[in-house]
């Protein structure tokens, strides 16, 4: 294989690796411009993104360790694999490149999440009186055959335990989607 052919094969990997951080950078820069124009600071309200990043990062490290231990145990045929077996699985499964890709994806996800939360909160400050609420409500009613989606879903799903289940599913998505990077 020539050097030129190898370079062409390597280029897509670097582009894939750079995609998450690029999105995060663009989102943060956009949020910085928007918050500056609105006269507020860029922030992580209630430290939600930082907390999720720390919790998911720790859980991810735990999952990676568990993955390594289970695979090493399976290969060696024992419940308690040796350090050498675990080191072999770690070298095979968790290369430096994979670690960098997973780490940058995790950080990029939560940086983008934090920047998005800032963007959505400053839009009303940037365009007071032009919120498009009426147009969006009309679109919603059009998509739901003339029904108000909130009223329709409250009628269909209720307002008790179902609300808590759906809210938990929403929050779980923000945790489990990036956590899946460990697998």
C-alpha atoms as a PDB file:
ATOM      1  CA  UNK A   1       0.000   0.000   0.000  1.00  0.00           C
ATOM      2  CA  UNK A   2       1.407   3.382  -0.929  1.00  0.00           C
ATOM      3  CA  UNK A   3       1.754   6.310   1.434  1.00  0.00           C
ATOM      4  CA  UNK A   4      -0.779   8.231  -0.625  1.00  0.00           C
ATOM      5  CA  UNK A   5      -3.340   5.416  -0.356  1.00  0.00           C
ATOM      6  CA  UNK A   6      -2.790   5.172   3.398  1.00  0.00           C
ATOM      7  CA  UNK A   7      -3.256   8.936   3.745  1.00  0.00           C
ATOM      8  CA  UNK A   8      -6.590   8.708   1.935  1.00  0.00           C
ATOM      9  CA  UNK A   9      -7.696   5.913   4.278  1.00  0.00           C
ATOM     10  CA  UNK A  10      -6.650   7.883   7.376  1.00  0.00           C
ATOM     11  CA  UNK A  11      -8.379  11.162   6.382  1.00  0.00           C
ATOM     12  CA  UNK A  12     -11.956   9.999   7.078  1.00  0.00           C
ATOM     13  CA  UNK A  13     -10.951   8.830  10.561  1.00  0.00           C
ATOM     14  CA  UNK A  14      -9.631  12.270  11.464  1.00  0.00           C
ATOM     15  CA  UNK A  15     -12.709  13.948  10.010  1.00  0.00           C
ATOM     16  CA  UNK A  16     -14.950  11.682  12.088  1.00  0.00           C
ATOM     17  CA  UNK A  17     -12.857  12.395  15.170  1.00  0.00           C
ATOM     18  CA  UNK A  18     -13.056  16.148  14.552  1.00  0.00           C
ATOM     19  CA  UNK A  19     -16.816  16.259  13.878  1.00  0.00           C
ATOM     20  CA  UNK A  20     -17.957  16.296  17.523  1.00  0.00           C
ATOM     21  CA  UNK A  21     -15.497  18.950  18.688  1.00  0.00           C
ATOM     22  CA  UNK A  22     -16.241  21.031  15.575  1.00  0.00           C
ATOM     23  CA  UNK A  23     -19.971  21.004  16.342  1.00  0.00           C
ATOM     24  CA  UNK A  24     -19.227  21.873  19.977  1.00  0.00           C
ATOM     25  CA  UNK A  25     -16.963  24.769  18.984  1.00  0.00           C
ATOM     26  CA  UNK A  26     -19.493  26.184  16.514  1.00  0.00           C
ATOM     27  CA  UNK A  27     -22.289  25.854  19.086  1.00  0.00           C
ATOM     28  CA  UNK A  28     -20.238  27.528  21.830  1.00  0.00           C
ATOM     29  CA  UNK A  29     -19.127  30.369  19.549  1.00  0.00           C
ATOM     30  CA  UNK A  30     -22.734  30.906  18.460  1.00  0.00           C
ATOM     31  CA  UNK A  31     -23.860  30.869  22.090  1.00  0.00           C
ATOM     32  CA  UNK A  32     -21.104  33.333  23.036  1.00  0.00           C
ATOM     33  CA  UNK A  33     -22.161  35.723  20.281  1.00  0.00           C
ATOM     34  CA  UNK A  34     -25.850  35.386  21.188  1.00  0.00           C
ATOM     35  CA  UNK A  35     -25.359  35.806  24.934  1.00  0.00           C
ATOM     36  CA  UNK A  36     -23.080  38.803  24.370  1.00  0.00           C
ATOM     37  CA  UNK A  37     -25.685  40.409  22.097  1.00  0.00           C
ATOM     38  CA  UNK A  38     -28.350  39.770  24.747  1.00  0.00           C
ATOM     39  CA  UNK A  39     -26.144  41.217  27.485  1.00  0.00           C
ATOM     40  CA  UNK A  40     -25.917  38.041  29.554  1.00  0.00           C
ATOM     41  CA  UNK A  41     -23.039  35.696  30.264  1.00  0.00           C
ATOM     42  CA  UNK A  42     -22.562  32.194  28.931  1.00  0.00           C
ATOM     43  CA  UNK A  43     -23.202  29.851  31.818  1.00  0.00           C
ATOM     44  CA  UNK A  44     -24.147  26.341  32.809  1.00  0.00           C
ATOM     45  CA  UNK A  45     -27.347  26.890  34.808  1.00  0.00           C
ATOM     46  CA  UNK A  46     -27.328  24.734  37.933  1.00  0.00           C
ATOM     47  CA  UNK A  47     -24.095  23.132  36.630  1.00  0.00           C
ATOM     48  CA  UNK A  48     -26.218  20.510  34.855  1.00  0.00           C
ATOM     49  CA  UNK A  49     -23.833  19.870  31.957  1.00  0.00           C
ATOM     50  CA  UNK A  50     -20.793  19.705  34.251  1.00  0.00           C
ATOM     51  CA  UNK A  51     -22.592  17.356  36.632  1.00  0.00           C
ATOM     52  CA  UNK A  52     -23.745  15.078  33.810  1.00  0.00           C
ATOM     53  CA  UNK A  53     -20.247  15.096  32.312  1.00  0.00           C
ATOM     54  CA  UNK A  54     -18.699  14.075  35.638  1.00  0.00           C
ATOM     55  CA  UNK A  55     -21.312  11.418  36.403  1.00  0.00           C
ATOM     56  CA  UNK A  56     -21.356   9.929  32.923  1.00  0.00           C
ATOM     57  CA  UNK A  57     -17.554  10.080  32.721  1.00  0.00           C
ATOM     58  CA  UNK A  58     -17.274   8.065  35.946  1.00  0.00           C
ATOM     59  CA  UNK A  59     -19.984   5.627  34.851  1.00  0.00           C
ATOM     60  CA  UNK A  60     -18.263   5.262  31.492  1.00  0.00           C
ATOM     61  CA  UNK A  61     -14.942   4.447  33.166  1.00  0.00           C
ATOM     62  CA  UNK A  62     -16.753   1.859  35.291  1.00  0.00           C
ATOM     63  CA  UNK A  63     -18.384   0.300  32.210  1.00  0.00           C
ATOM     64  CA  UNK A  64     -15.075   0.178  30.360  1.00  0.00           C
ATOM     65  CA  UNK A  65     -13.463  -1.543  33.353  1.00  0.00           C
ATOM     66  CA  UNK A  66     -16.350  -3.993  33.580  1.00  0.00           C
ATOM     67  CA  UNK A  67     -16.165  -4.678  29.835  1.00  0.00           C
ATOM     68  CA  UNK A  68     -12.451  -5.399  30.104  1.00  0.00           C
ATOM     69  CA  UNK A  69     -12.884  -7.648  33.158  1.00  0.00           C
ATOM     70  CA  UNK A  70     -15.743  -9.655  31.613  1.00  0.00           C
ATOM     71  CA  UNK A  71     -13.937 -10.162  28.305  1.00  0.00           C
ATOM     72  CA  UNK A  72     -10.673 -11.094  30.010  1.00  0.00           C
ATOM     73  CA  UNK A  73     -12.514 -13.539  32.274  1.00  0.00           C
ATOM     74  CA  UNK A  74     -14.278 -15.074  29.301  1.00  0.00           C
ATOM     75  CA  UNK A  75     -11.007 -15.500  27.412  1.00  0.00           C
ATOM     76  CA  UNK A  76      -9.144 -17.001  30.354  1.00  0.00           C
ATOM     77  CA  UNK A  77     -12.094 -19.125  31.469  1.00  0.00           C
ATOM     78  CA  UNK A  78     -12.068 -17.775  35.020  1.00  0.00           C
ATOM     79  CA  UNK A  79     -14.163 -15.387  37.045  1.00  0.00           C
ATOM     80  CA  UNK A  80     -11.090 -13.504  38.217  1.00  0.00           C
ATOM     81  CA  UNK A  81      -8.839 -12.870  35.229  1.00  0.00           C
ATOM     82  CA  UNK A  82      -5.180 -12.091  35.698  1.00  0.00           C
ATOM     83  CA  UNK A  83      -3.798  -8.597  35.304  1.00  0.00           C
ATOM     84  CA  UNK A  84      -2.016  -9.737  32.167  1.00  0.00           C
ATOM     85  CA  UNK A  85      -5.285 -10.962  30.618  1.00  0.00           C
ATOM     86  CA  UNK A  86      -7.003  -7.689  31.499  1.00  0.00           C
ATOM     87  CA  UNK A  87      -4.095  -5.661  30.128  1.00  0.00           C
ATOM     88  CA  UNK A  88      -4.271  -7.626  26.885  1.00  0.00           C
ATOM     89  CA  UNK A  89      -7.992  -6.954  26.476  1.00  0.00           C
ATOM     90  CA  UNK A  90      -7.490  -3.292  27.355  1.00  0.00           C
ATOM     91  CA  UNK A  91      -4.752  -2.911  24.744  1.00  0.00           C
ATOM     92  CA  UNK A  92      -6.885  -4.653  22.141  1.00  0.00           C
ATOM     93  CA  UNK A  93     -10.229  -2.952  22.859  1.00  0.00           C
ATOM     94  CA  UNK A  94      -9.231   0.469  24.200  1.00  0.00           C
ATOM     95  CA  UNK A  95      -6.501   1.872  22.015  1.00  0.00           C
ATOM     96  CA  UNK A  96      -5.333   5.455  22.422  1.00  0.00           C
ATOM     97  CA  UNK A  97      -7.295   6.427  19.314  1.00  0.00           C
ATOM     98  CA  UNK A  98     -10.516   4.947  20.660  1.00  0.00           C
ATOM     99  CA  UNK A  99      -9.991   6.623  24.023  1.00  0.00           C
ATOM    100  CA  UNK A 100      -9.462  10.000  22.363  1.00  0.00           C
ATOM    101  CA  UNK A 101     -12.511   9.509  20.138  1.00  0.00           C
ATOM    102  CA  UNK A 102     -14.758   8.525  23.051  1.00  0.00           C
ATOM    103  CA  UNK A 103     -13.432  11.262  25.338  1.00  0.00           C
ATOM    104  CA  UNK A 104     -13.794  13.986  22.729  1.00  0.00           C
ATOM    105  CA  UNK A 105     -17.287  12.771  21.820  1.00  0.00           C
ATOM    106  CA  UNK A 106     -18.378  12.803  25.466  1.00  0.00           C
ATOM    107  CA  UNK A 107     -16.978  16.258  26.171  1.00  0.00           C
ATOM    108  CA  UNK A 108     -18.316  17.610  22.876  1.00  0.00           C
ATOM    109  CA  UNK A 109     -21.807  16.286  23.627  1.00  0.00           C
ATOM    110  CA  UNK A 110     -22.058  18.050  26.975  1.00  0.00           C
ATOM    111  CA  UNK A 111     -20.365  21.256  25.788  1.00  0.00           C
ATOM    112  CA  UNK A 112     -22.893  21.384  22.934  1.00  0.00           C
ATOM    113  CA  UNK A 113     -25.707  20.669  25.399  1.00  0.00           C
ATOM    114  CA  UNK A 114     -24.608  23.532  27.648  1.00  0.00           C
ATOM    115  CA  UNK A 115     -24.278  25.928  24.704  1.00  0.00           C
ATOM    116  CA  UNK A 116     -27.682  24.891  23.333  1.00  0.00           C
ATOM    117  CA  UNK A 117     -29.319  25.569  26.708  1.00  0.00           C
ATOM    118  CA  UNK A 118     -27.837  29.065  26.591  1.00  0.00           C
ATOM    119  CA  UNK A 119     -28.993  29.632  23.024  1.00  0.00           C
ATOM    120  CA  UNK A 120     -32.575  28.613  23.681  1.00  0.00           C
ATOM    121  CA  UNK A 121     -32.771  30.853  26.739  1.00  0.00           C
ATOM    122  CA  UNK A 122     -31.486  34.011  24.999  1.00  0.00           C
ATOM    123  CA  UNK A 123     -33.643  33.873  21.865  1.00  0.00           C
ATOM    124  CA  UNK A 124     -36.531  35.720  23.580  1.00  0.00           C
ATOM    125  CA  UNK A 125     -34.055  38.392  24.706  1.00  0.00           C
ATOM    126  CA  UNK A 126     -32.712  38.850  21.191  1.00  0.00           C
ATOM    127  CA  UNK A 127     -36.111  39.077  19.514  1.00  0.00           C
ATOM    128  CA  UNK A 128     -38.610  40.433  22.035  1.00  0.00           C
ATOM    129  CA  UNK A 129     -42.104  40.407  20.648  1.00  0.00           C
ATOM    130  CA  UNK A 130     -41.094  38.090  17.778  1.00  0.00           C
ATOM    131  CA  UNK A 131     -41.371  34.694  19.375  1.00  0.00           C
ATOM    132  CA  UNK A 132     -43.337  32.922  16.636  1.00  0.00           C
ATOM    133  CA  UNK A 133     -45.410  31.191  19.308  1.00  0.00           C
ATOM    134  CA  UNK A 134     -48.637  31.607  17.346  1.00  0.00           C
ATOM    135  CA  UNK A 135     -47.097  30.237  14.142  1.00  0.00           C
ATOM    136  CA  UNK A 136     -45.553  27.278  15.955  1.00  0.00           C
ATOM    137  CA  UNK A 137     -48.827  26.536  17.760  1.00  0.00           C
ATOM    138  CA  UNK A 138     -50.635  26.634  14.393  1.00  0.00           C
ATOM    139  CA  UNK A 139     -48.065  24.229  12.947  1.00  0.00           C
ATOM    140  CA  UNK A 140     -48.528  21.894  15.931  1.00  0.00           C
ATOM    141  CA  UNK A 141     -52.294  21.915  15.513  1.00  0.00           C
ATOM    142  CA  UNK A 142     -51.874  21.251  11.790  1.00  0.00           C
ATOM    143  CA  UNK A 143     -49.649  18.249  12.492  1.00  0.00           C
ATOM    144  CA  UNK A 144     -52.118  16.899  15.067  1.00  0.00           C
ATOM    145  CA  UNK A 145     -55.282  17.158  12.949  1.00  0.00           C
ATOM    146  CA  UNK A 146     -56.486  20.410  14.510  1.00  0.00           C
ATOM    147  CA  UNK A 147     -55.837  19.328  18.108  1.00  0.00           C
ATOM    148  CA  UNK A 148     -53.589  21.051  20.606  1.00  0.00           C
ATOM    149  CA  UNK A 149     -50.744  18.510  21.126  1.00  0.00           C
ATOM    150  CA  UNK A 150     -50.407  19.233  24.855  1.00  0.00           C
ATOM    151  CA  UNK A 151     -54.115  18.729  25.499  1.00  0.00           C
ATOM    152  CA  UNK A 152     -54.170  15.650  23.261  1.00  0.00           C
ATOM    153  CA  UNK A 153     -51.231  13.986  25.016  1.00  0.00           C
ATOM    154  CA  UNK A 154     -52.588  14.844  28.463  1.00  0.00           C
ATOM    155  CA  UNK A 155     -55.876  13.243  27.435  1.00  0.00           C
ATOM    156  CA  UNK A 156     -54.195  10.150  25.974  1.00  0.00           C
ATOM    157  CA  UNK A 157     -51.430   9.656  28.521  1.00  0.00           C
ATOM    158  CA  UNK A 158     -52.752  11.378  31.621  1.00  0.00           C
ATOM    159  CA  UNK A 159     -50.968  13.694  33.996  1.00  0.00           C
ATOM    160  CA  UNK A 160     -49.967  11.400  36.852  1.00  0.00           C
ATOM    161  CA  UNK A 161     -47.316   8.728  36.825  1.00  0.00           C
ATOM    162  CA  UNK A 162     -47.026   8.818  33.025  1.00  0.00           C
ATOM    163  CA  UNK A 163     -45.666  12.348  33.208  1.00  0.00           C
ATOM    164  CA  UNK A 164     -42.944  11.226  35.588  1.00  0.00           C
ATOM    165  CA  UNK A 165     -42.088   8.212  33.436  1.00  0.00           C
ATOM    166  CA  UNK A 166     -41.752  10.368  30.303  1.00  0.00           C
ATOM    167  CA  UNK A 167     -39.700  12.973  32.179  1.00  0.00           C
ATOM    168  CA  UNK A 168     -37.394  10.248  33.466  1.00  0.00           C
ATOM    169  CA  UNK A 169     -37.010   8.866  29.935  1.00  0.00           C
ATOM    170  CA  UNK A 170     -36.046  12.339  28.688  1.00  0.00           C
ATOM    171  CA  UNK A 171     -33.416  12.808  31.398  1.00  0.00           C
ATOM    172  CA  UNK A 172     -32.178   9.240  30.914  1.00  0.00           C
ATOM    173  CA  UNK A 173     -31.594   9.976  27.229  1.00  0.00           C
ATOM    174  CA  UNK A 174     -29.186  12.781  28.149  1.00  0.00           C
ATOM    175  CA  UNK A 175     -27.265  10.325  30.330  1.00  0.00           C
ATOM    176  CA  UNK A 176     -27.507   7.001  28.482  1.00  0.00           C
ATOM    177  CA  UNK A 177     -26.826   8.213  24.950  1.00  0.00           C
ATOM    178  CA  UNK A 178     -23.285   9.355  25.758  1.00  0.00           C
ATOM    179  CA  UNK A 179     -22.858   6.455  28.184  1.00  0.00           C
ATOM    180  CA  UNK A 180     -23.320   4.093  25.239  1.00  0.00           C
ATOM    181  CA  UNK A 181     -19.926   5.280  23.968  1.00  0.00           C
ATOM    182  CA  UNK A 182     -18.353   2.953  26.527  1.00  0.00           C
ATOM    183  CA  UNK A 183     -19.794  -0.055  24.771  1.00  0.00           C
END
